Amino acid sequence: MIVIAGVLIGIVLGVRLAFKHGGRKLDALQYATGFAICFGLLGLFATIAADRLLLG
């Protein structure tokens, strides 16, 4: 669940940032993809860390 939330947050932030800087649709798509990958990986690491800490 953390990974999915990270990907969705990354998409939203990437699109908003691209349009804020005056980008077009393809710029927004590229930003969304990059941010989704980054936040998805952070969510994956958070999931692994939580699993190891809680289940020990």
PDB file of N, CA and C in Angstrom:
ATOM      1  N   MET A   1       0.822  -1.198   0.000  1.00  0.00           N
ATOM      2  CA  MET A   1       0.000   0.000   0.000  1.00  0.00           C
ATOM      3  C   MET A   1       0.861   1.255   0.000  1.00  0.00           C
ATOM      4  N   ILE A   2       1.998   1.216   0.689  1.00  0.00           N
ATOM      5  CA  ILE A   2       2.855   2.391   0.738  1.00  0.00           C
ATOM      6  C   ILE A   2       3.433   2.674  -0.641  1.00  0.00           C
ATOM      7  N   VAL A   3       3.757   1.633  -1.379  1.00  0.00           N
ATOM      8  CA  VAL A   3       4.327   1.807  -2.712  1.00  0.00           C
ATOM      9  C   VAL A   3       3.305   2.459  -3.639  1.00  0.00           C
ATOM     10  N   ILE A   4       2.070   1.988  -3.601  1.00  0.00           N
ATOM     11  CA  ILE A   4       1.025   2.544  -4.461  1.00  0.00           C
ATOM     12  C   ILE A   4       0.773   4.007  -4.109  1.00  0.00           C
ATOM     13  N   ALA A   5       0.728   4.309  -2.820  1.00  0.00           N
ATOM     14  CA  ALA A   5       0.532   5.697  -2.401  1.00  0.00           C
ATOM     15  C   ALA A   5       1.698   6.563  -2.862  1.00  0.00           C
ATOM     16  N   GLY A   6       2.911   6.049  -2.768  1.00  0.00           N
ATOM     17  CA  GLY A   6       4.081   6.797  -3.226  1.00  0.00           C
ATOM     18  C   GLY A   6       4.036   7.085  -4.712  1.00  0.00           C
ATOM     19  N   VAL A   7       3.621   6.102  -5.496  1.00  0.00           N
ATOM     20  CA  VAL A   7       3.525   6.294  -6.939  1.00  0.00           C
ATOM     21  C   VAL A   7       2.468   7.352  -7.268  1.00  0.00           C
ATOM     22  N   LEU A   8       1.329   7.279  -6.627  1.00  0.00           N
ATOM     23  CA  LEU A   8       0.267   8.256  -6.902  1.00  0.00           C
ATOM     24  C   LEU A   8       0.664   9.660  -6.480  1.00  0.00           C
ATOM     25  N   ILE A   9       1.303   9.786  -5.333  1.00  0.00           N
ATOM     26  CA  ILE A   9       1.770  11.103  -4.892  1.00  0.00           C
ATOM     27  C   ILE A   9       2.837  11.631  -5.849  1.00  0.00           C
ATOM     28  N   GLY A  10       3.716  10.769  -6.303  1.00  0.00           N
ATOM     29  CA  GLY A  10       4.743  11.170  -7.262  1.00  0.00           C
ATOM     30  C   GLY A  10       4.159  11.663  -8.572  1.00  0.00           C
ATOM     31  N   ILE A  11       3.126  11.010  -9.054  1.00  0.00           N
ATOM     32  CA  ILE A  11       2.479  11.432 -10.293  1.00  0.00           C
ATOM     33  C   ILE A  11       1.882  12.821 -10.131  1.00  0.00           C
ATOM     34  N   VAL A  12       1.165  13.019  -9.034  1.00  0.00           N
ATOM     35  CA  VAL A  12       0.515  14.320  -8.807  1.00  0.00           C
ATOM     36  C   VAL A  12       1.554  15.426  -8.670  1.00  0.00           C
ATOM     37  N   LEU A  13       2.589  15.188  -7.880  1.00  0.00           N
ATOM     38  CA  LEU A  13       3.616  16.207  -7.695  1.00  0.00           C
ATOM     39  C   LEU A  13       4.374  16.497  -8.986  1.00  0.00           C
ATOM     40  N   GLY A  14       4.655  15.457  -9.756  1.00  0.00           N
ATOM     41  CA  GLY A  14       5.367  15.650 -11.020  1.00  0.00           C
ATOM     42  C   GLY A  14       4.576  16.471 -12.026  1.00  0.00           C
ATOM     43  N   VAL A  15       3.302  16.182 -12.151  1.00  0.00           N
ATOM     44  CA  VAL A  15       2.455  16.929 -13.087  1.00  0.00           C
ATOM     45  C   VAL A  15       2.334  18.381 -12.647  1.00  0.00           C
ATOM     46  N   ARG A  16       2.114  18.592 -11.361  1.00  0.00           N
ATOM     47  CA  ARG A  16       1.977  19.970 -10.852  1.00  0.00           C
ATOM     48  C   ARG A  16       3.255  20.766 -11.066  1.00  0.00           C
ATOM     49  N   LEU A  17       4.411  20.143 -10.821  1.00  0.00           N
ATOM     50  CA  LEU A  17       5.675  20.842 -10.989  1.00  0.00           C
ATOM     51  C   LEU A  17       5.945  21.179 -12.453  1.00  0.00           C
ATOM     52  N   ALA A  18       5.636  20.259 -13.340  1.00  0.00           N
ATOM     53  CA  ALA A  18       5.861  20.509 -14.764  1.00  0.00           C
ATOM     54  C   ALA A  18       4.987  21.656 -15.270  1.00  0.00           C
ATOM     55  N   PHE A  19       3.723  21.665 -14.901  1.00  0.00           N
ATOM     56  CA  PHE A  19       2.840  22.741 -15.348  1.00  0.00           C
ATOM     57  C   PHE A  19       3.182  24.067 -14.670  1.00  0.00           C
ATOM     58  N   LYS A  20       3.701  24.007 -13.447  1.00  0.00           N
ATOM     59  CA  LYS A  20       4.102  25.222 -12.750  1.00  0.00           C
ATOM     60  C   LYS A  20       5.267  25.904 -13.468  1.00  0.00           C
ATOM     61  N   HIS A  21       6.148  25.106 -14.040  1.00  0.00           N
ATOM     62  CA  HIS A  21       7.300  25.644 -14.765  1.00  0.00           C
ATOM     63  C   HIS A  21       7.004  25.903 -16.235  1.00  0.00           C
ATOM     64  N   GLY A  22       5.742  25.831 -16.623  1.00  0.00           N
ATOM     65  CA  GLY A  22       5.357  26.147 -17.993  1.00  0.00           C
ATOM     66  C   GLY A  22       5.534  25.018 -18.990  1.00  0.00           C
ATOM     67  N   GLY A  23       5.548  23.798 -18.525  1.00  0.00           N
ATOM     68  CA  GLY A  23       5.728  22.656 -19.417  1.00  0.00           C
ATOM     69  C   GLY A  23       4.454  22.272 -20.142  1.00  0.00           C
ATOM     70  N   ARG A  24       4.634  21.470 -21.173  1.00  0.00           N
ATOM     71  CA  ARG A  24       3.504  20.964 -21.944  1.00  0.00           C
ATOM     72  C   ARG A  24       3.119  19.581 -21.441  1.00  0.00           C
ATOM     73  N   LYS A  25       2.208  18.932 -22.175  1.00  0.00           N
ATOM     74  CA  LYS A  25       1.713  17.623 -21.728  1.00  0.00           C
ATOM     75  C   LYS A  25       2.816  16.571 -21.659  1.00  0.00           C
ATOM     76  N   LEU A  26       3.694  16.551 -22.650  1.00  0.00           N
ATOM     77  CA  LEU A  26       4.762  15.552 -22.634  1.00  0.00           C
ATOM     78  C   LEU A  26       5.770  15.834 -21.525  1.00  0.00           C
ATOM     79  N   ASP A  27       6.001  17.102 -21.210  1.00  0.00           N
ATOM     80  CA  ASP A  27       6.855  17.435 -20.072  1.00  0.00           C
ATOM     81  C   ASP A  27       6.231  16.928 -18.780  1.00  0.00           C
ATOM     82  N   ALA A  28       4.925  17.134 -18.638  1.00  0.00           N
ATOM     83  CA  ALA A  28       4.216  16.668 -17.445  1.00  0.00           C
ATOM     84  C   ALA A  28       4.282  15.147 -17.352  1.00  0.00           C
ATOM     85  N   LEU A  29       4.177  14.468 -18.477  1.00  0.00           N
ATOM     86  CA  LEU A  29       4.262  13.007 -18.479  1.00  0.00           C
ATOM     87  C   LEU A  29       5.642  12.534 -18.037  1.00  0.00           C
ATOM     88  N   GLN A  30       6.681  13.213 -18.515  1.00  0.00           N
ATOM     89  CA  GLN A  30       8.042  12.837 -18.131  1.00  0.00           C
ATOM     90  C   GLN A  30       8.287  13.097 -16.644  1.00  0.00           C
ATOM     91  N   TYR A  31       7.873  14.247 -16.155  1.00  0.00           N
ATOM     92  CA  TYR A  31       8.014  14.553 -14.736  1.00  0.00           C
ATOM     93  C   TYR A  31       7.226  13.553 -13.889  1.00  0.00           C
ATOM     94  N   ALA A  32       6.002  13.252 -14.307  1.00  0.00           N
ATOM     95  CA  ALA A  32       5.171  12.312 -13.558  1.00  0.00           C
ATOM     96  C   ALA A  32       5.825  10.942 -13.489  1.00  0.00           C
ATOM     97  N   THR A  33       6.409  10.507 -14.581  1.00  0.00           N
ATOM     98  CA  THR A  33       7.069   9.204 -14.609  1.00  0.00           C
ATOM     99  C   THR A  33       8.269   9.175 -13.676  1.00  0.00           C
ATOM    100  N   GLY A  34       9.096  10.200 -13.750  1.00  0.00           N
ATOM    101  CA  GLY A  34      10.285  10.262 -12.898  1.00  0.00           C
ATOM    102  C   GLY A  34       9.939  10.328 -11.427  1.00  0.00           C
ATOM    103  N   PHE A  35       8.985  11.177 -11.079  1.00  0.00           N
ATOM    104  CA  PHE A  35       8.583  11.294  -9.684  1.00  0.00           C
ATOM    105  C   PHE A  35       7.904  10.021  -9.202  1.00  0.00           C
ATOM    106  N   ALA A  36       7.111   9.373 -10.051  1.00  0.00           N
ATOM    107  CA  ALA A  36       6.440   8.131  -9.658  1.00  0.00           C
ATOM    108  C   ALA A  36       7.464   7.039  -9.357  1.00  0.00           C
ATOM    109  N   ILE A  37       8.489   6.936 -10.174  1.00  0.00           N
ATOM    110  CA  ILE A  37       9.529   5.931  -9.929  1.00  0.00           C
ATOM    111  C   ILE A  37      10.259   6.236  -8.622  1.00  0.00           C
ATOM    112  N   CYS A  38      10.620   7.495  -8.428  1.00  0.00           N
ATOM    113  CA  CYS A  38      11.356   7.892  -7.221  1.00  0.00           C
ATOM    114  C   CYS A  38      10.540   7.642  -5.954  1.00  0.00           C
ATOM    115  N   PHE A  39       9.306   8.110  -5.932  1.00  0.00           N
ATOM    116  CA  PHE A  39       8.478   7.942  -4.741  1.00  0.00           C
ATOM    117  C   PHE A  39       8.072   6.478  -4.559  1.00  0.00           C
ATOM    118  N   GLY A  40       7.917   5.743  -5.647  1.00  0.00           N
ATOM    119  CA  GLY A  40       7.611   4.320  -5.541  1.00  0.00           C
ATOM    120  C   GLY A  40       8.757   3.551  -4.900  1.00  0.00           C
ATOM    121  N   LEU A  41       9.998   3.890  -5.279  1.00  0.00           N
ATOM    122  CA  LEU A  41      11.155   3.239  -4.663  1.00  0.00           C
ATOM    123  C   LEU A  41      11.274   3.605  -3.190  1.00  0.00           C
ATOM    124  N   LEU A  42      11.021   4.864  -2.858  1.00  0.00           N
ATOM    125  CA  LEU A  42      11.043   5.268  -1.456  1.00  0.00           C
ATOM    126  C   LEU A  42       9.973   4.513  -0.659  1.00  0.00           C
ATOM    127  N   GLY A  43       8.804   4.340  -1.257  1.00  0.00           N
ATOM    128  CA  GLY A  43       7.747   3.575  -0.608  1.00  0.00           C
ATOM    129  C   GLY A  43       8.118   2.117  -0.437  1.00  0.00           C
ATOM    130  N   LEU A  44       8.821   1.563  -1.413  1.00  0.00           N
ATOM    131  CA  LEU A  44       9.273   0.176  -1.317  1.00  0.00           C
ATOM    132  C   LEU A  44      10.253   0.008  -0.166  1.00  0.00           C
ATOM    133  N   PHE A  45      11.218   0.922  -0.060  1.00  0.00           N
ATOM    134  CA  PHE A  45      12.172   0.856   1.039  1.00  0.00           C
ATOM    135  C   PHE A  45      11.481   1.049   2.379  1.00  0.00           C
ATOM    136  N   ALA A  46      10.498   1.929   2.442  1.00  0.00           N
ATOM    137  CA  ALA A  46       9.749   2.140   3.683  1.00  0.00           C
ATOM    138  C   ALA A  46       8.978   0.877   4.061  1.00  0.00           C
ATOM    139  N   THR A  47       8.417   0.196   3.076  1.00  0.00           N
ATOM    140  CA  THR A  47       7.689  -1.046   3.332  1.00  0.00           C
ATOM    141  C   THR A  47       8.619  -2.132   3.859  1.00  0.00           C
ATOM    142  N   ILE A  48       9.794  -2.253   3.249  1.00  0.00           N
ATOM    143  CA  ILE A  48      10.762  -3.255   3.701  1.00  0.00           C
ATOM    144  C   ILE A  48      11.233  -2.946   5.115  1.00  0.00           C
ATOM    145  N   ALA A  49      11.513  -1.664   5.388  1.00  0.00           N
ATOM    146  CA  ALA A  49      11.971  -1.284   6.725  1.00  0.00           C
ATOM    147  C   ALA A  49      10.875  -1.536   7.758  1.00  0.00           C
ATOM    148  N   ALA A  50       9.652  -1.194   7.445  1.00  0.00           N
ATOM    149  CA  ALA A  50       8.561  -1.436   8.394  1.00  0.00           C
ATOM    150  C   ALA A  50       8.360  -2.925   8.644  1.00  0.00           C
ATOM    151  N   ASP A  51       8.482  -3.717   7.604  1.00  0.00           N
ATOM    152  CA  ASP A  51       8.321  -5.158   7.746  1.00  0.00           C
ATOM    153  C   ASP A  51       9.410  -5.743   8.651  1.00  0.00           C
ATOM    154  N   ARG A  52      10.631  -5.303   8.447  1.00  0.00           N
ATOM    155  CA  ARG A  52      11.741  -5.838   9.259  1.00  0.00           C
ATOM    156  C   ARG A  52      11.649  -5.361  10.713  1.00  0.00           C
ATOM    157  N   LEU A  53      11.185  -4.129  10.908  1.00  0.00           N
ATOM    158  CA  LEU A  53      11.088  -3.609  12.275  1.00  0.00           C
ATOM    159  C   LEU A  53       9.918  -4.224  13.043  1.00  0.00           C
ATOM    160  N   LEU A  54       8.805  -4.422  12.363  1.00  0.00           N
ATOM    161  CA  LEU A  54       7.617  -4.920  13.048  1.00  0.00           C
ATOM    162  C   LEU A  54       7.637  -6.439  13.240  1.00  0.00           C
ATOM    163  N   LEU A  55       8.174  -7.149  12.266  1.00  0.00           N
ATOM    164  CA  LEU A  55       8.163  -8.612  12.359  1.00  0.00           C
ATOM    165  C   LEU A  55       9.482  -9.175  12.874  1.00  0.00           C
ATOM    166  N   GLY A  56      10.503  -8.333  12.888  1.00  0.00           N
ATOM    167  CA  GLY A  56      11.803  -8.656  13.454  1.00  0.00           C
ATOM    168  C   GLY A  56      12.326  -9.966  13.065  1.00  0.00           C
TER     169      GLY A  56
END
